[in-house]
Amino acid sequence: MYRCARRCSLLLLVAVISAGCAGTPPSSRLSSSSTSTSEIAVLKQSTEDITDVSGGDRSGDTAVTTAGEAVELDRWPLTGVQDEGVGTWPVLIAKIDNHDRARPQAGINSADVVFEEIVEGGLTRFAALFHSQQTDLLGPIRSVRTSDFDLLRNLNRPLFANSGGNEAVLRLLQEIEYVDVSSNAAIDAYERIEERPSPHNLFSDTESLRTVGTSRGEGGSPPMMFVREGADPLVAPPNPVSGLDVDYGSTFVEYRWDQDNKKWVRSQNGTPHLDSDGVIVAPDVIIVQVVSYGRSRADGRSPEAVLLGEGKALVFFNGNVIEGFWKRSEADEVTEYFDRDGQTIAIPSGRVWIALPRVGQVEIIE
């Protein structure tokens, strides 16, 4: 019933969206060779411990880093929020559409971390990471890009939800260690909402996707993604700012600091960015990780983010910004963020959005 209510809310918000859009490309269509409805129903019993993270059974208290070292956890590894019992199930990564016709998205405010990457034509797409929270409706879910590969490699076999991709990208994706919960692998865990224009209408939910993940392979517990406040490293004094603008090309994003709610309120292309429940997108921390983009190995028309190496970084928190740089030497390492003096930046706990723009696409608003 709750999921039905969520869906009714979604349909009401998208009633004004035009239905005139091209159909789903063949590479994104649902495959018939996948986990069936009956299999999903049977396996849901095994995932009951994570269907309600706020009040459910979270008996695990350790996690395995990408290097295979077990560590005690008293914080959720993606948000840094302290908790008596932190779940050690895998991260679920979902590729979320960010075309104007895809808005409002469902479930985006339940993600612990969201990466925003550039795709074709200066548009952007989200890679949303779910671990400490679940959502009854998630989408629109779209296809994989080669930029996603290094987002997967350092999360210790995450679940990966997407709508497929072209033959070349799917072939290259086989080199990555992850658990496939795509629409090609699990047709019955997805559905298309007819009131939405295709291809911006493919949805699922985290419980169904985790059930499929249980049936298809064992994912690993994620590492701590960031150094958090209270750790030893010190940083240079932050500078107060009111926000930032990011011009990706065809997608223009504004974040403005909301002093009352202590969050960065997001607007896109001149309008507030709301989810399908009518809730504003407003993360606690914004990280700008300036990267270069090359041509995708799978499709020369598609940009591919370079996520290994180092480059400029800006970390926005509590109405302030610290300028510095990011560094990631190996694919299985988490990205580290440093101030200008080379001191590790300790990031406050909370939901983090990570922008991946090119050089010259970001402006700090004083």
Protein backbone atom coordinates (compact mmCIF):
# COMPACT_ATOMS: atom_id res chain seq x y z
CA MET A 1 0.00 0.00 0.00
CA TYR A 2 2.81 2.40 0.87
CA ARG A 3 4.55 1.84 -2.45
CA CYS A 4 1.22 2.39 -4.19
CA ALA A 5 0.77 5.70 -2.39
CA ARG A 6 4.30 6.72 -3.39
CA ARG A 7 3.54 5.87 -6.99
CA CYS A 8 0.29 7.86 -6.95
CA SER A 9 2.25 10.85 -5.66
CA LEU A 10 4.78 10.39 -8.45
CA LEU A 11 2.11 10.19 -11.15
CA LEU A 12 0.45 13.35 -9.87
CA LEU A 13 3.72 15.28 -10.08
CA VAL A 14 4.50 14.12 -13.61
CA ALA A 15 1.02 14.63 -15.05
CA VAL A 16 2.20 17.77 -16.84
CA ILE A 17 5.15 16.05 -18.49
CA SER A 18 4.84 15.51 -22.23
CA ALA A 19 4.63 11.97 -23.51
CA GLY A 20 6.32 12.80 -26.80
CA CYS A 21 9.72 11.08 -26.52
CA ALA A 22 11.59 8.46 -28.51
CA GLY A 23 11.30 4.82 -27.42
CA THR A 24 13.84 2.90 -25.42
CA PRO A 25 16.88 1.94 -27.50
CA PRO A 26 17.38 -1.80 -28.06
CA SER A 27 20.43 -1.89 -25.75
CA SER A 28 18.28 -0.67 -22.85
CA ARG A 29 15.30 -2.99 -23.27
CA LEU A 30 14.39 -5.65 -20.77
CA SER A 31 15.84 -9.10 -21.26
CA SER A 32 13.77 -12.28 -20.98
CA SER A 33 16.64 -14.22 -19.36
CA SER A 34 16.37 -12.88 -15.81
CA THR A 35 15.26 -13.55 -12.27
CA SER A 36 11.53 -14.33 -12.28
CA THR A 37 8.74 -12.90 -10.13
CA SER A 38 8.39 -16.14 -8.18
CA GLU A 39 12.11 -16.27 -7.45
CA ILE A 40 12.05 -12.68 -6.18
CA ALA A 41 9.10 -13.45 -3.88
CA VAL A 42 10.88 -16.45 -2.36
CA LEU A 43 14.16 -14.58 -1.87
CA LYS A 44 12.63 -11.50 -0.21
CA GLN A 45 12.58 -13.38 3.10
CA SER A 46 16.38 -13.33 3.10
CA THR A 47 16.55 -9.54 2.81
CA GLU A 48 14.08 -8.61 5.56
CA ASP A 49 16.91 -7.38 7.76
CA ILE A 50 17.54 -4.38 5.51
CA THR A 51 14.04 -3.40 4.37
CA ASP A 52 13.71 -0.98 7.28
CA VAL A 53 17.17 0.28 8.15
CA SER A 54 15.89 2.76 10.71
CA GLY A 55 14.29 0.11 12.88
CA GLY A 56 15.29 -3.26 11.49
CA ASP A 57 17.78 -5.89 12.62
CA ARG A 58 21.30 -4.67 11.99
CA SER A 59 23.28 -7.36 13.71
CA GLY A 60 26.50 -6.90 11.75
CA ASP A 61 29.18 -4.69 13.29
CA THR A 62 32.12 -5.12 10.96
CA ALA A 63 32.84 -4.35 7.34
CA VAL A 64 35.49 -5.36 4.85
CA THR A 65 37.50 -2.67 3.11
CA THR A 66 38.52 -2.92 -0.53
CA ALA A 67 41.88 -4.19 0.67
CA GLY A 68 40.13 -7.04 2.50
CA GLU A 69 40.87 -5.78 6.03
CA ALA A 70 38.03 -6.20 8.56
CA VAL A 71 37.30 -3.08 10.59
CA GLU A 72 34.91 -2.32 13.44
CA LEU A 73 32.15 0.08 12.45
CA ASP A 74 30.27 2.52 14.65
CA ARG A 75 29.44 4.80 11.71
CA TRP A 76 27.63 4.16 8.46
CA PRO A 77 30.49 3.91 5.96
CA LEU A 78 28.97 6.24 3.37
CA THR A 79 27.34 8.92 5.54
CA GLY A 80 29.56 8.78 8.62
CA VAL A 81 26.46 8.90 10.85
CA GLN A 82 27.11 7.19 14.17
CA ASP A 83 24.88 4.25 15.06
CA GLU A 84 24.78 1.41 17.58
CA GLY A 85 24.51 -1.24 14.87
CA VAL A 86 25.70 -0.52 11.34
CA GLY A 87 24.54 -2.77 8.52
CA THR A 88 27.24 -4.61 6.57
CA TRP A 89 25.25 -5.42 3.44
CA PRO A 90 26.57 -4.29 0.02
CA VAL A 91 26.12 -0.84 -1.44
CA LEU A 92 23.43 -0.63 -4.11
CA ILE A 93 24.40 1.70 -6.98
CA ALA A 94 21.59 2.85 -9.27
CA LYS A 95 22.01 4.88 -12.47
CA ILE A 96 19.37 7.62 -12.29
CA ASP A 97 18.19 9.67 -15.24
CA ASN A 98 18.57 13.47 -14.99
CA HIS A 99 16.95 14.60 -18.23
CA ASP A 100 14.28 17.28 -17.73
CA ARG A 101 11.68 14.66 -18.74
CA ALA A 102 13.00 12.34 -16.02
CA ARG A 103 12.16 14.75 -13.23
CA PRO A 104 10.92 14.42 -10.60
CA GLN A 105 13.11 11.43 -9.72
CA ALA A 106 12.00 8.91 -7.10
CA GLY A 107 14.18 7.81 -4.19
CA ILE A 108 17.04 10.21 -4.87
CA ASN A 109 16.81 11.75 -1.38
CA SER A 110 17.33 8.32 0.22
CA ALA A 111 20.79 7.91 -1.31
CA ASP A 112 23.80 8.24 0.98
CA VAL A 113 26.08 9.48 -1.80
CA VAL A 114 25.25 10.72 -5.30
CA PHE A 115 27.76 11.24 -8.12
CA GLU A 116 26.78 13.58 -10.95
CA GLU A 117 28.64 12.77 -14.17
CA ILE A 118 28.53 14.29 -17.63
CA VAL A 119 27.02 12.23 -20.44
CA GLU A 120 26.25 13.09 -24.06
CA GLY A 121 25.29 16.62 -25.09
CA GLY A 122 26.28 18.29 -21.83
CA LEU A 123 23.53 16.46 -19.93
CA THR A 124 24.25 14.75 -16.63
CA ARG A 125 23.28 11.46 -15.03
CA PHE A 126 23.41 10.31 -11.42
CA ALA A 127 25.07 7.29 -9.85
CA ALA A 128 23.19 7.03 -6.55
CA LEU A 129 24.62 4.91 -3.71
CA PHE A 130 22.16 3.37 -1.25
CA HIS A 131 23.29 1.76 1.99
CA SER A 132 21.84 3.21 5.21
CA GLN A 133 18.36 3.92 3.78
CA GLN A 134 15.94 2.17 1.46
CA THR A 135 13.23 3.47 -0.88
CA ASP A 136 9.94 2.02 -2.13
CA LEU A 137 10.27 3.64 -5.55
CA LEU A 138 13.52 4.28 -7.41
CA GLY A 139 14.11 5.83 -10.80
CA PRO A 140 13.96 6.55 -13.63
CA ILE A 141 16.78 4.03 -14.05
CA ARG A 142 18.98 4.41 -17.11
CA SER A 143 21.92 2.77 -18.84
CA VAL A 144 25.52 2.20 -17.79
CA ARG A 145 28.46 4.30 -19.05
CA THR A 146 32.19 3.55 -18.91
CA SER A 147 32.52 6.47 -16.46
CA ASP A 148 30.75 4.19 -13.96
CA PHE A 149 33.47 1.54 -13.94
CA ASP A 150 35.78 3.30 -11.48
CA LEU A 151 32.77 4.22 -9.31
CA LEU A 152 32.21 0.47 -8.89
CA ARG A 153 35.79 -0.72 -8.42
CA ASN A 154 36.43 0.60 -4.89
CA LEU A 155 33.15 -0.43 -3.21
CA ASN A 156 33.88 -4.14 -2.71
CA ARG A 157 31.45 -5.86 -5.10
CA PRO A 158 28.43 -3.53 -4.96
CA LEU A 159 25.02 -4.27 -6.46
CA PHE A 160 24.61 -2.34 -9.71
CA ALA A 161 21.17 -1.36 -11.04
CA ASN A 162 20.92 -0.04 -14.59
CA SER A 163 18.91 -0.48 -17.77
CA GLY A 164 21.70 -2.08 -19.79
CA GLY A 165 23.86 -0.42 -22.41
CA ASN A 166 25.41 -0.98 -25.81
CA GLU A 167 27.23 -4.24 -26.52
CA ALA A 168 30.69 -2.71 -26.13
CA VAL A 169 30.06 -1.19 -22.69
CA LEU A 170 28.42 -4.38 -21.42
CA ARG A 171 31.38 -6.42 -22.62
CA LEU A 172 33.83 -4.11 -20.83
CA LEU A 173 31.65 -4.15 -17.72
CA GLN A 174 32.32 -7.88 -17.36
CA GLU A 175 35.86 -7.01 -16.23
CA ILE A 176 34.48 -5.35 -13.07
CA GLU A 177 33.68 -7.20 -9.84
CA TYR A 178 30.06 -6.38 -9.00
CA VAL A 179 26.66 -8.03 -8.61
CA ASP A 180 24.38 -7.53 -11.61
CA VAL A 181 20.88 -6.39 -10.65
CA SER A 182 20.20 -4.62 -13.95
CA SER A 183 16.95 -4.87 -15.89
CA ASN A 184 18.69 -7.39 -18.16
CA ALA A 185 19.34 -9.61 -15.14
CA ALA A 186 16.02 -9.13 -13.35
CA ILE A 187 13.14 -8.12 -15.59
CA ASP A 188 10.51 -8.64 -12.87
CA ALA A 189 12.23 -6.27 -10.43
CA TYR A 190 11.51 -3.36 -12.80
CA GLU A 191 8.41 -1.78 -14.27
CA ARG A 192 7.61 0.99 -16.71
CA ILE A 193 5.18 3.72 -15.66
CA GLU A 194 3.03 4.42 -18.69
CA GLU A 195 2.31 8.03 -17.75
CA ARG A 196 5.99 8.81 -18.17
CA PRO A 197 7.58 9.28 -21.61
CA SER A 198 9.90 6.46 -22.62
CA PRO A 199 12.81 5.94 -21.99
CA HIS A 200 12.43 8.02 -18.81
CA ASN A 201 9.94 5.67 -17.16
CA LEU A 202 11.79 2.60 -15.82
CA PHE A 203 11.48 2.18 -12.03
CA SER A 204 12.27 -0.33 -9.31
CA ASP A 205 12.73 -0.34 -5.50
CA THR A 206 15.66 -1.14 -3.24
CA GLU A 207 14.09 -4.20 -1.58
CA SER A 208 13.45 -5.96 -4.91
CA LEU A 209 16.93 -5.12 -6.17
CA ARG A 210 18.58 -6.40 -3.02
CA THR A 211 16.53 -9.60 -3.27
CA VAL A 212 17.86 -10.10 -6.79
CA GLY A 213 21.37 -9.38 -5.52
CA THR A 214 21.03 -12.14 -2.93
CA SER A 215 20.08 -14.60 -5.67
CA ARG A 216 22.88 -13.64 -8.06
CA GLY A 217 26.00 -13.41 -5.94
CA GLU A 218 27.55 -12.27 -2.72
CA GLY A 219 28.34 -8.59 -2.53
CA GLY A 220 30.82 -7.17 -0.03
CA SER A 221 30.58 -4.60 2.73
CA PRO A 222 31.74 -1.14 1.60
CA PRO A 223 34.77 0.73 2.94
CA MET A 224 34.59 4.05 4.77
CA MET A 225 34.36 6.46 1.86
CA PHE A 226 35.60 9.60 3.61
CA VAL A 227 37.67 10.73 6.57
CA ARG A 228 35.08 12.16 8.93
CA GLU A 229 34.97 14.95 11.53
CA GLY A 230 36.57 14.00 14.81
CA ALA A 231 39.49 12.26 13.09
CA ASP A 232 43.06 13.42 13.66
CA PRO A 233 43.77 15.25 10.38
CA LEU A 234 43.51 19.03 10.51
CA VAL A 235 42.67 21.37 7.67
CA ALA A 236 43.06 25.01 6.80
CA PRO A 237 40.31 27.38 8.04
CA PRO A 238 37.23 27.21 5.78
CA ASN A 239 35.90 30.25 3.90
CA PRO A 240 32.21 31.27 4.32
CA VAL A 241 30.24 31.18 1.05
CA SER A 242 26.60 31.30 0.01
CA GLY A 243 26.78 28.60 -2.66
CA LEU A 244 28.14 27.45 -5.99
CA ASP A 245 27.10 27.20 -9.64
CA VAL A 246 28.02 24.33 -11.94
CA ASP A 247 27.55 24.68 -15.70
CA TYR A 248 27.85 21.21 -17.25
CA GLY A 249 26.89 22.45 -20.72
CA SER A 250 23.19 21.65 -21.17
CA THR A 251 22.61 21.25 -17.43
CA PHE A 252 23.01 24.25 -15.12
CA VAL A 253 23.00 23.53 -11.38
CA GLU A 254 22.86 25.90 -8.42
CA TYR A 255 23.45 25.05 -4.76
CA ARG A 256 22.61 27.62 -2.09
CA TRP A 257 23.30 27.31 1.62
CA ASP A 258 20.15 27.10 3.76
CA GLN A 259 21.25 28.35 7.17
CA ASP A 260 18.02 27.29 8.89
CA ASN A 261 18.15 23.66 7.73
CA LYS A 262 21.95 23.43 7.45
CA LYS A 263 21.81 22.04 3.91
CA TRP A 264 22.76 22.96 0.34
CA VAL A 265 19.53 23.50 -1.61
CA ARG A 266 19.77 22.40 -5.24
CA SER A 267 18.16 23.98 -8.31
CA GLN A 268 18.51 22.76 -11.88
CA ASN A 269 18.00 24.80 -15.04
CA GLY A 270 16.32 27.56 -13.10
CA THR A 271 13.82 25.55 -11.03
CA PRO A 272 14.03 23.91 -7.57
CA HIS A 273 15.06 20.26 -7.80
CA LEU A 274 12.24 18.29 -6.13
CA ASP A 275 11.89 14.53 -5.78
CA SER A 276 8.68 12.62 -6.52
CA ASP A 277 7.42 13.30 -3.00
CA GLY A 278 7.82 17.04 -3.52
CA VAL A 279 10.86 17.21 -1.21
CA ILE A 280 13.71 19.49 -2.23
CA VAL A 281 17.07 17.91 -3.01
CA ALA A 282 19.40 19.37 -0.37
CA PRO A 283 22.48 17.36 0.67
CA ASP A 284 24.56 18.06 3.75
CA VAL A 285 27.91 18.17 1.94
CA ILE A 286 28.89 19.02 -1.64
CA ILE A 287 32.20 17.84 -3.06
CA VAL A 288 33.31 19.25 -6.38
CA GLN A 289 35.85 16.87 -7.90
CA VAL A 290 37.16 18.48 -11.08
CA VAL A 291 38.06 15.80 -13.62
CA SER A 292 38.95 15.50 -17.28
CA TYR A 293 36.81 13.60 -19.76
CA GLY A 294 38.06 11.52 -22.65
CA ARG A 295 36.18 9.53 -25.26
CA SER A 296 34.50 6.40 -24.02
CA ARG A 297 36.16 3.15 -25.01
CA ALA A 298 32.70 1.78 -25.80
CA ASP A 299 31.31 4.73 -27.77
CA GLY A 300 33.36 7.61 -29.13
CA ARG A 301 30.35 9.92 -28.86
CA SER A 302 30.15 9.43 -25.10
CA PRO A 303 32.44 11.21 -22.60
CA GLU A 304 34.36 9.11 -20.06
CA ALA A 305 35.37 10.64 -16.73
CA VAL A 306 38.98 10.12 -15.62
CA LEU A 307 38.66 9.21 -11.94
CA LEU A 308 42.21 8.03 -11.28
CA GLY A 309 45.02 10.53 -10.70
CA GLU A 310 44.50 13.88 -9.03
CA GLY A 311 42.92 17.26 -9.62
CA LYS A 312 41.27 20.28 -8.02
CA ALA A 313 38.64 19.72 -5.32
CA LEU A 314 36.23 21.94 -3.40
CA VAL A 315 34.48 20.69 -0.25
CA PHE A 316 31.35 22.64 0.81
CA PHE A 317 29.96 22.10 4.33
CA ASN A 318 28.24 24.14 7.04
CA GLY A 319 28.11 27.23 4.80
CA ASN A 320 31.84 27.10 4.09
CA VAL A 321 34.23 25.85 1.45
CA ILE A 322 37.71 24.37 1.66
CA GLU A 323 39.75 24.46 -1.54
CA GLY A 324 42.28 21.76 -2.27
CA PHE A 325 42.75 18.68 -4.39
CA TRP A 326 41.63 15.06 -4.75
CA LYS A 327 43.83 12.01 -5.27
CA ARG A 328 43.23 8.36 -6.16
CA SER A 329 46.19 6.30 -7.30
CA GLU A 330 44.65 2.83 -7.72
CA ALA A 331 41.22 1.68 -8.83
CA ASP A 332 40.51 -0.20 -5.59
CA GLU A 333 41.34 2.82 -3.39
CA VAL A 334 38.83 5.35 -2.14
CA THR A 335 39.32 8.92 -3.32
CA GLU A 336 41.08 11.16 -0.80
CA TYR A 337 40.51 14.91 -0.43
CA PHE A 338 43.19 17.32 0.79
CA ASP A 339 43.41 21.03 1.50
CA ARG A 340 45.98 23.23 -0.26
CA ASP A 341 48.62 22.33 2.33
CA GLY A 342 48.15 18.61 1.75
CA GLN A 343 46.24 17.93 4.97
CA THR A 344 43.38 15.42 4.72
CA ILE A 345 39.97 17.10 4.84
CA ALA A 346 37.73 15.66 7.59
CA ILE A 347 34.18 15.77 6.23
CA PRO A 348 31.08 16.23 8.44
CA SER A 349 28.64 13.34 8.61
CA GLY A 350 25.59 13.35 6.36
CA ARG A 351 24.50 12.86 2.76
CA VAL A 352 27.13 13.79 0.17
CA TRP A 353 26.69 14.83 -3.45
CA ILE A 354 29.83 14.69 -5.60
CA ALA A 355 29.91 16.82 -8.74
CA LEU A 356 32.29 15.68 -11.52
CA PRO A 357 32.66 18.75 -13.76
CA ARG A 358 35.41 19.76 -16.14
CA VAL A 359 37.88 22.58 -15.49
CA GLY A 360 36.17 25.98 -15.69
CA GLN A 361 32.61 24.77 -15.10
CA VAL A 362 32.36 25.74 -11.41
CA GLU A 363 31.86 29.17 -9.82
CA ILE A 364 31.91 29.82 -6.06
CA ILE A 365 29.21 32.27 -4.94
CA GLU A 366 30.49 34.42 -2.09
